[in-house]
Amino acid sequence: QLLNINHPAPLVFCIASGEGWSRRNAEAAQERDVHANSASPVIAAFKVFQQELDTRHDKHERLVKISRDVTIESKRAIFLLHRVTSVPDAERPPILNEAEGKLEGVRQKIGQIAEELRGEDIFQFHRAFTAGIQEYVEAVSFLHYIRHRGLISLEEINARLVFMKAENPDPKDSAEAAPSGAHVLTFQVTPADYLLGVADLTGELMRLCIGSVGNGDIDTPFQLSQFLRQIHDGFSYIGNTGPYEVSKKLHTLRQSLGKVEDACYALRVRGSEIPKHMLADVFCSRTAHLDTEEGVV
């Protein structure tokens, strides 16, 4: 009866014995592989690759966090600058100085990005911090326009992104040892980030136009209209030769220009008929009507 192959007991015993044998062989083979591969040049090379990838991913995450801080502080500076339309001219310098102080803090954050990118290829990590740099370009160009009524150049932006970093002293050295020298770090905003930041600037200028109309300023909208036309012409010359993101933001730029031109039309044609405190309501109603038509199309 024990030798009967139709009896289930021998079959179960054989299966259990086979599983145990396979598991023991697998564990033994794994131990042999570990001891055999510890000195393998292939395994050693891949361990080096693992360390390089881990270091790169950690650096990428740090750059993303710094870029978020740059974006937040730049937006706060932009929100602060929009207050200049609601205060008298005598109270504008303190607001501009406060915004400049916020942007100085943003530049210190960009200095941390430059420190992380020292000795690295900037384009390998460009996607990690490009959003923050574009927001900084938008904020600093907005401040420059309010002060000088013009567009800041890429060279002027890069000239402010030069940092002096002190070398970390060696803790093993004595306290009487001479401090290590400082080194200069520079961060260069790419032309693509500059163009995209200027494209975002047009939206803030459109909001500045609305605020100016609401406060009875009828000169600023015409200045903004001419300035936005020049920016639009410049982007039109770029065409399809620039970054692909430019074509996406060109549509928004045209919308902002159209709203500013509509405000100028309302001021020129109906400005003498409507009181100054009602111009903003008329302009906002026309803007909402244009937005509805664009949504239908």
Protein backbone atom coordinates (compact mmCIF):
# COMPACT_ATOMS: atom_id res chain seq x y z
CA GLN A 1 0.00 0.00 0.00
CA LEU A 2 2.90 2.38 0.71
CA LEU A 3 4.26 1.73 -2.75
CA ASN A 4 0.95 2.38 -4.42
CA ILE A 5 1.39 5.44 -6.58
CA ASN A 6 -2.32 6.14 -6.43
CA HIS A 7 -2.10 6.76 -2.69
CA PRO A 8 -1.92 10.53 -1.93
CA ALA A 9 0.59 10.31 0.94
CA PRO A 10 3.71 9.56 -1.16
CA LEU A 11 2.75 12.31 -3.60
CA VAL A 12 2.46 14.91 -0.84
CA PHE A 13 5.74 13.76 0.65
CA CYS A 14 7.48 14.07 -2.70
CA ILE A 15 6.10 17.58 -3.29
CA ALA A 16 7.14 18.75 0.19
CA SER A 17 10.57 17.25 -0.23
CA GLY A 18 10.95 18.88 -3.64
CA GLU A 19 9.99 22.32 -2.31
CA GLY A 20 12.43 22.06 0.58
CA TRP A 21 15.22 20.93 -1.71
CA SER A 22 14.55 23.78 -4.14
CA ARG A 23 14.51 26.36 -1.33
CA ARG A 24 17.78 25.08 0.14
CA ASN A 25 19.41 25.09 -3.28
CA ALA A 26 18.19 28.64 -3.95
CA GLU A 27 19.56 29.89 -0.63
CA ALA A 28 22.87 28.16 -1.23
CA ALA A 29 23.08 29.59 -4.75
CA GLN A 30 22.32 33.07 -3.41
CA GLU A 31 25.09 32.77 -0.83
CA ARG A 32 27.52 31.64 -3.51
CA ASP A 33 26.50 34.58 -5.72
CA VAL A 34 27.04 37.05 -2.88
CA HIS A 35 30.51 35.75 -2.12
CA ALA A 36 31.37 35.41 -5.80
CA ASN A 37 30.05 38.85 -6.85
CA SER A 38 31.54 40.85 -3.99
CA ALA A 39 34.81 41.06 -5.89
CA SER A 40 33.24 41.29 -9.35
CA PRO A 41 34.25 44.44 -11.27
CA VAL A 42 30.78 44.61 -12.81
CA ILE A 43 29.08 44.71 -9.40
CA ALA A 44 31.60 47.27 -8.17
CA ALA A 45 30.94 49.47 -11.20
CA PHE A 46 27.17 49.32 -10.69
CA LYS A 47 27.58 50.26 -7.03
CA VAL A 48 29.39 53.39 -8.18
CA PHE A 49 26.55 54.11 -10.61
CA GLN A 50 24.06 53.67 -7.77
CA GLN A 51 25.86 56.22 -5.62
CA GLU A 52 26.03 58.70 -8.50
CA LEU A 53 22.31 58.36 -9.23
CA ASP A 54 21.38 58.71 -5.56
CA THR A 55 23.52 61.84 -5.29
CA ARG A 56 21.96 63.31 -8.41
CA HIS A 57 18.40 62.58 -7.25
CA ASP A 58 19.09 64.15 -3.85
CA LYS A 59 20.49 67.27 -5.53
CA HIS A 60 17.44 67.43 -7.82
CA GLU A 61 15.08 67.34 -4.83
CA ARG A 62 17.01 70.09 -3.05
CA LEU A 63 16.83 72.27 -6.16
CA VAL A 64 13.08 71.72 -6.44
CA LYS A 65 12.59 72.84 -2.84
CA ILE A 66 14.71 75.96 -3.33
CA SER A 67 12.84 76.76 -6.55
CA ARG A 68 9.54 76.61 -4.68
CA ASP A 69 10.85 79.11 -2.13
CA VAL A 70 12.01 81.40 -4.95
CA THR A 71 8.56 81.21 -6.56
CA ILE A 72 6.73 82.00 -3.32
CA GLU A 73 8.92 84.98 -2.40
CA SER A 74 8.79 86.36 -5.95
CA LYS A 75 4.99 86.22 -5.95
CA ARG A 76 4.92 88.07 -2.64
CA ALA A 77 7.08 90.80 -4.14
CA ILE A 78 4.72 91.06 -7.13
CA PHE A 79 1.65 91.32 -4.88
CA LEU A 80 3.41 94.07 -2.94
CA LEU A 81 4.24 96.00 -6.11
CA HIS A 82 0.59 96.09 -7.15
CA ARG A 83 -0.07 98.34 -4.16
CA VAL A 84 1.67 101.26 -5.89
CA THR A 85 -1.48 102.00 -7.89
CA SER A 86 -3.53 102.65 -4.75
CA VAL A 87 -1.15 104.98 -2.89
CA PRO A 88 0.02 108.54 -3.57
CA ASP A 89 3.33 109.10 -5.31
CA ALA A 90 4.98 110.16 -2.05
CA GLU A 91 4.27 106.75 -0.49
CA ARG A 92 5.60 104.67 -3.39
CA PRO A 93 9.34 104.68 -2.52
CA PRO A 94 8.86 102.72 0.74
CA ILE A 95 6.85 100.07 -1.12
CA LEU A 96 9.48 99.81 -3.85
CA ASN A 97 12.26 99.55 -1.27
CA GLU A 98 10.39 96.81 0.57
CA ALA A 99 9.93 94.91 -2.69
CA GLU A 100 13.63 95.33 -3.42
CA GLY A 101 14.40 93.83 -0.02
CA LYS A 102 12.21 90.82 -0.77
CA LEU A 103 13.95 90.34 -4.12
CA GLU A 104 17.31 90.51 -2.38
CA GLY A 105 16.18 87.57 -0.26
CA VAL A 106 15.17 85.78 -3.45
CA ARG A 107 18.65 86.36 -4.86
CA GLN A 108 20.12 84.70 -1.79
CA LYS A 109 17.96 81.67 -2.56
CA ILE A 110 19.27 81.70 -6.12
CA GLY A 111 22.75 81.77 -4.61
CA GLN A 112 21.91 78.44 -2.98
CA ILE A 113 20.99 77.12 -6.43
CA ALA A 114 24.34 78.34 -7.75
CA GLU A 115 26.06 76.56 -4.87
CA GLU A 116 24.28 73.31 -5.71
CA LEU A 117 25.18 73.64 -9.39
CA ARG A 118 28.87 74.32 -8.83
CA GLY A 119 30.79 71.90 -11.02
CA GLU A 120 27.58 70.50 -12.54
CA ASP A 121 25.98 70.80 -15.95
CA ILE A 122 23.17 73.33 -15.47
CA PHE A 123 20.99 71.77 -18.16
CA GLN A 124 20.90 68.41 -16.37
CA PHE A 125 18.99 70.07 -13.51
CA HIS A 126 17.31 72.89 -15.44
CA ARG A 127 13.78 71.52 -15.11
CA ALA A 128 14.15 71.46 -11.33
CA PHE A 129 14.47 75.25 -10.92
CA THR A 130 13.24 76.84 -14.17
CA ALA A 131 9.82 77.73 -12.71
CA GLY A 132 11.37 79.69 -9.85
CA ILE A 133 13.78 81.54 -12.14
CA GLN A 134 10.95 82.56 -14.47
CA GLU A 135 8.99 83.91 -11.52
CA TYR A 136 12.04 85.86 -10.34
CA VAL A 137 12.52 87.37 -13.81
CA GLU A 138 8.86 88.39 -13.80
CA ALA A 139 9.17 90.05 -10.38
CA VAL A 140 12.44 91.90 -11.05
CA SER A 141 11.27 93.09 -14.47
CA PHE A 142 7.99 94.30 -12.94
CA LEU A 143 9.90 96.34 -10.36
CA HIS A 144 12.19 97.71 -13.07
CA TYR A 145 9.23 98.81 -15.19
CA ILE A 146 7.54 100.62 -12.31
CA ARG A 147 10.74 102.51 -11.57
CA HIS A 148 12.08 103.20 -15.07
CA ARG A 149 9.15 102.51 -17.44
CA GLY A 150 11.25 100.12 -19.48
CA LEU A 151 12.26 96.49 -19.85
CA ILE A 152 15.23 95.16 -17.93
CA SER A 153 17.81 93.34 -20.02
CA LEU A 154 19.15 89.85 -19.50
CA GLU A 155 22.62 91.25 -18.82
CA GLU A 156 21.29 93.46 -16.02
CA ILE A 157 19.56 90.50 -14.40
CA ASN A 158 22.66 88.31 -14.55
CA ALA A 159 24.85 91.13 -13.22
CA ARG A 160 22.97 90.95 -9.90
CA LEU A 161 23.38 87.20 -9.58
CA VAL A 162 27.01 87.22 -8.46
CA PHE A 163 27.61 85.82 -4.98
CA MET A 164 30.54 85.65 -2.59
CA LYS A 165 30.59 82.36 -0.73
CA ALA A 166 32.99 81.71 2.14
CA GLU A 167 34.65 78.34 2.31
CA ASN A 168 33.57 76.17 5.23
CA PRO A 169 36.39 76.03 7.79
CA ASP A 170 37.83 72.65 8.64
CA PRO A 171 36.69 71.65 12.16
CA LYS A 172 39.94 69.72 12.64
CA ASP A 173 41.97 72.91 12.38
CA SER A 174 42.72 74.88 15.48
CA ALA A 175 40.81 78.02 16.36
CA GLU A 176 43.90 80.13 15.69
CA ALA A 177 44.18 78.94 12.10
CA ALA A 178 43.58 81.49 9.35
CA PRO A 179 40.08 81.39 7.83
CA SER A 180 39.69 79.97 4.36
CA GLY A 181 39.27 82.34 1.44
CA ALA A 182 35.98 83.11 -0.27
CA HIS A 183 35.05 82.14 -3.80
CA VAL A 184 32.79 83.80 -6.34
CA LEU A 185 29.68 82.08 -7.62
CA THR A 186 27.67 83.26 -10.60
CA PHE A 187 24.27 82.19 -11.84
CA GLN A 188 23.34 82.83 -15.45
CA VAL A 189 19.66 83.07 -16.35
CA THR A 190 19.15 81.31 -19.67
CA PRO A 191 17.60 83.24 -22.59
CA ALA A 192 14.64 80.84 -22.55
CA ASP A 193 13.87 81.56 -18.89
CA TYR A 194 14.24 85.28 -19.56
CA LEU A 195 11.76 85.18 -22.46
CA LEU A 196 9.23 83.15 -20.50
CA GLY A 197 9.54 85.48 -17.52
CA VAL A 198 8.94 88.52 -19.73
CA ALA A 199 5.91 86.78 -21.24
CA ASP A 200 4.49 86.35 -17.73
CA LEU A 201 5.22 90.02 -17.05
CA THR A 202 2.55 91.06 -19.55
CA GLY A 203 -0.18 89.63 -17.32
CA GLU A 204 1.02 91.71 -14.38
CA LEU A 205 1.14 94.81 -16.56
CA MET A 206 -2.45 94.19 -17.60
CA ARG A 207 -3.45 94.03 -13.92
CA LEU A 208 -1.47 97.21 -13.31
CA CYS A 209 -3.51 98.84 -16.06
CA ILE A 210 -6.78 97.80 -14.41
CA GLY A 211 -5.62 99.16 -11.06
CA SER A 212 -4.53 102.43 -12.63
CA VAL A 213 -7.89 102.93 -14.32
CA GLY A 214 -9.67 102.21 -11.06
CA ASN A 215 -7.68 104.96 -9.36
CA GLY A 216 -8.35 107.52 -12.09
CA ASP A 217 -4.92 107.34 -13.75
CA ILE A 218 -5.61 107.75 -17.47
CA ASP A 219 -1.98 108.09 -18.60
CA THR A 220 -0.60 104.73 -17.46
CA PRO A 221 -2.90 102.59 -19.68
CA PHE A 222 -1.65 104.32 -22.84
CA GLN A 223 1.98 103.88 -21.77
CA LEU A 224 1.34 100.22 -21.02
CA SER A 225 -0.40 99.73 -24.35
CA GLN A 226 2.60 101.00 -26.28
CA PHE A 227 5.01 98.98 -24.16
CA LEU A 228 3.02 95.77 -24.60
CA ARG A 229 2.88 96.29 -28.36
CA GLN A 230 6.66 96.43 -28.44
CA ILE A 231 6.91 93.20 -26.43
CA HIS A 232 4.35 91.54 -28.69
CA ASP A 233 6.29 92.58 -31.79
CA GLY A 234 9.47 91.15 -30.30
CA PHE A 235 7.84 87.81 -29.57
CA SER A 236 6.30 87.77 -33.04
CA TYR A 237 9.77 88.06 -34.57
CA ILE A 238 10.87 84.98 -32.63
CA GLY A 239 8.10 82.86 -34.15
CA ASN A 240 8.80 79.14 -34.10
CA THR A 241 12.55 79.56 -33.65
CA GLY A 242 12.34 80.03 -29.86
CA PRO A 243 11.43 77.62 -27.05
CA TYR A 244 8.19 75.74 -27.55
CA GLU A 245 6.77 77.25 -24.34
CA VAL A 246 6.84 80.70 -25.98
CA SER A 247 4.09 79.77 -28.43
CA LYS A 248 1.86 78.77 -25.51
CA LYS A 249 2.36 82.05 -23.68
CA LEU A 250 2.05 84.15 -26.82
CA HIS A 251 -1.72 83.57 -26.77
CA THR A 252 -1.93 84.89 -23.21
CA LEU A 253 0.23 87.85 -24.20
CA ARG A 254 -2.20 88.73 -26.99
CA GLN A 255 -5.12 88.50 -24.58
CA SER A 256 -3.41 90.89 -22.16
CA LEU A 257 -2.61 93.31 -24.97
CA GLY A 258 -6.20 93.17 -26.20
CA LYS A 259 -7.56 94.00 -22.75
CA VAL A 260 -5.20 96.95 -22.35
CA GLU A 261 -6.09 98.27 -25.80
CA ASP A 262 -9.77 97.91 -24.94
CA ALA A 263 -9.18 99.99 -21.82
CA CYS A 264 -7.44 102.66 -23.89
CA TYR A 265 -10.35 102.66 -26.32
CA ALA A 266 -12.84 103.14 -23.48
CA LEU A 267 -10.77 105.97 -22.04
CA ARG A 268 -10.30 107.72 -25.37
CA VAL A 269 -13.86 107.42 -26.65
CA ARG A 270 -15.92 107.51 -23.47
CA GLY A 271 -13.48 108.99 -20.99
CA SER A 272 -15.08 112.42 -21.08
CA GLU A 273 -18.57 110.96 -20.61
CA ILE A 274 -17.90 108.69 -17.64
CA PRO A 275 -16.69 109.88 -14.22
CA LYS A 276 -13.26 108.65 -13.23
CA HIS A 277 -14.54 106.55 -10.35
CA MET A 278 -16.75 104.60 -12.79
CA LEU A 279 -14.13 103.91 -15.46
CA ALA A 280 -12.94 100.75 -13.74
CA ASP A 281 -16.48 99.31 -13.68
CA VAL A 282 -16.95 99.98 -17.38
CA PHE A 283 -13.60 98.45 -18.23
CA CYS A 284 -14.17 95.36 -16.07
CA SER A 285 -17.56 94.75 -17.67
CA ARG A 286 -16.06 94.96 -21.17
CA THR A 287 -13.22 92.65 -20.14
CA ALA A 288 -15.67 90.09 -18.78
CA HIS A 289 -17.60 90.27 -22.05
CA LEU A 290 -14.42 89.60 -24.04
CA ASP A 291 -13.52 86.65 -21.81
CA THR A 292 -16.98 85.16 -22.37
CA GLU A 293 -16.63 85.45 -26.14
CA GLU A 294 -13.19 83.83 -26.05
CA GLY A 295 -14.56 80.98 -23.97
CA VAL A 296 -17.37 80.38 -26.47
CA VAL A 297 -14.95 80.33 -29.36
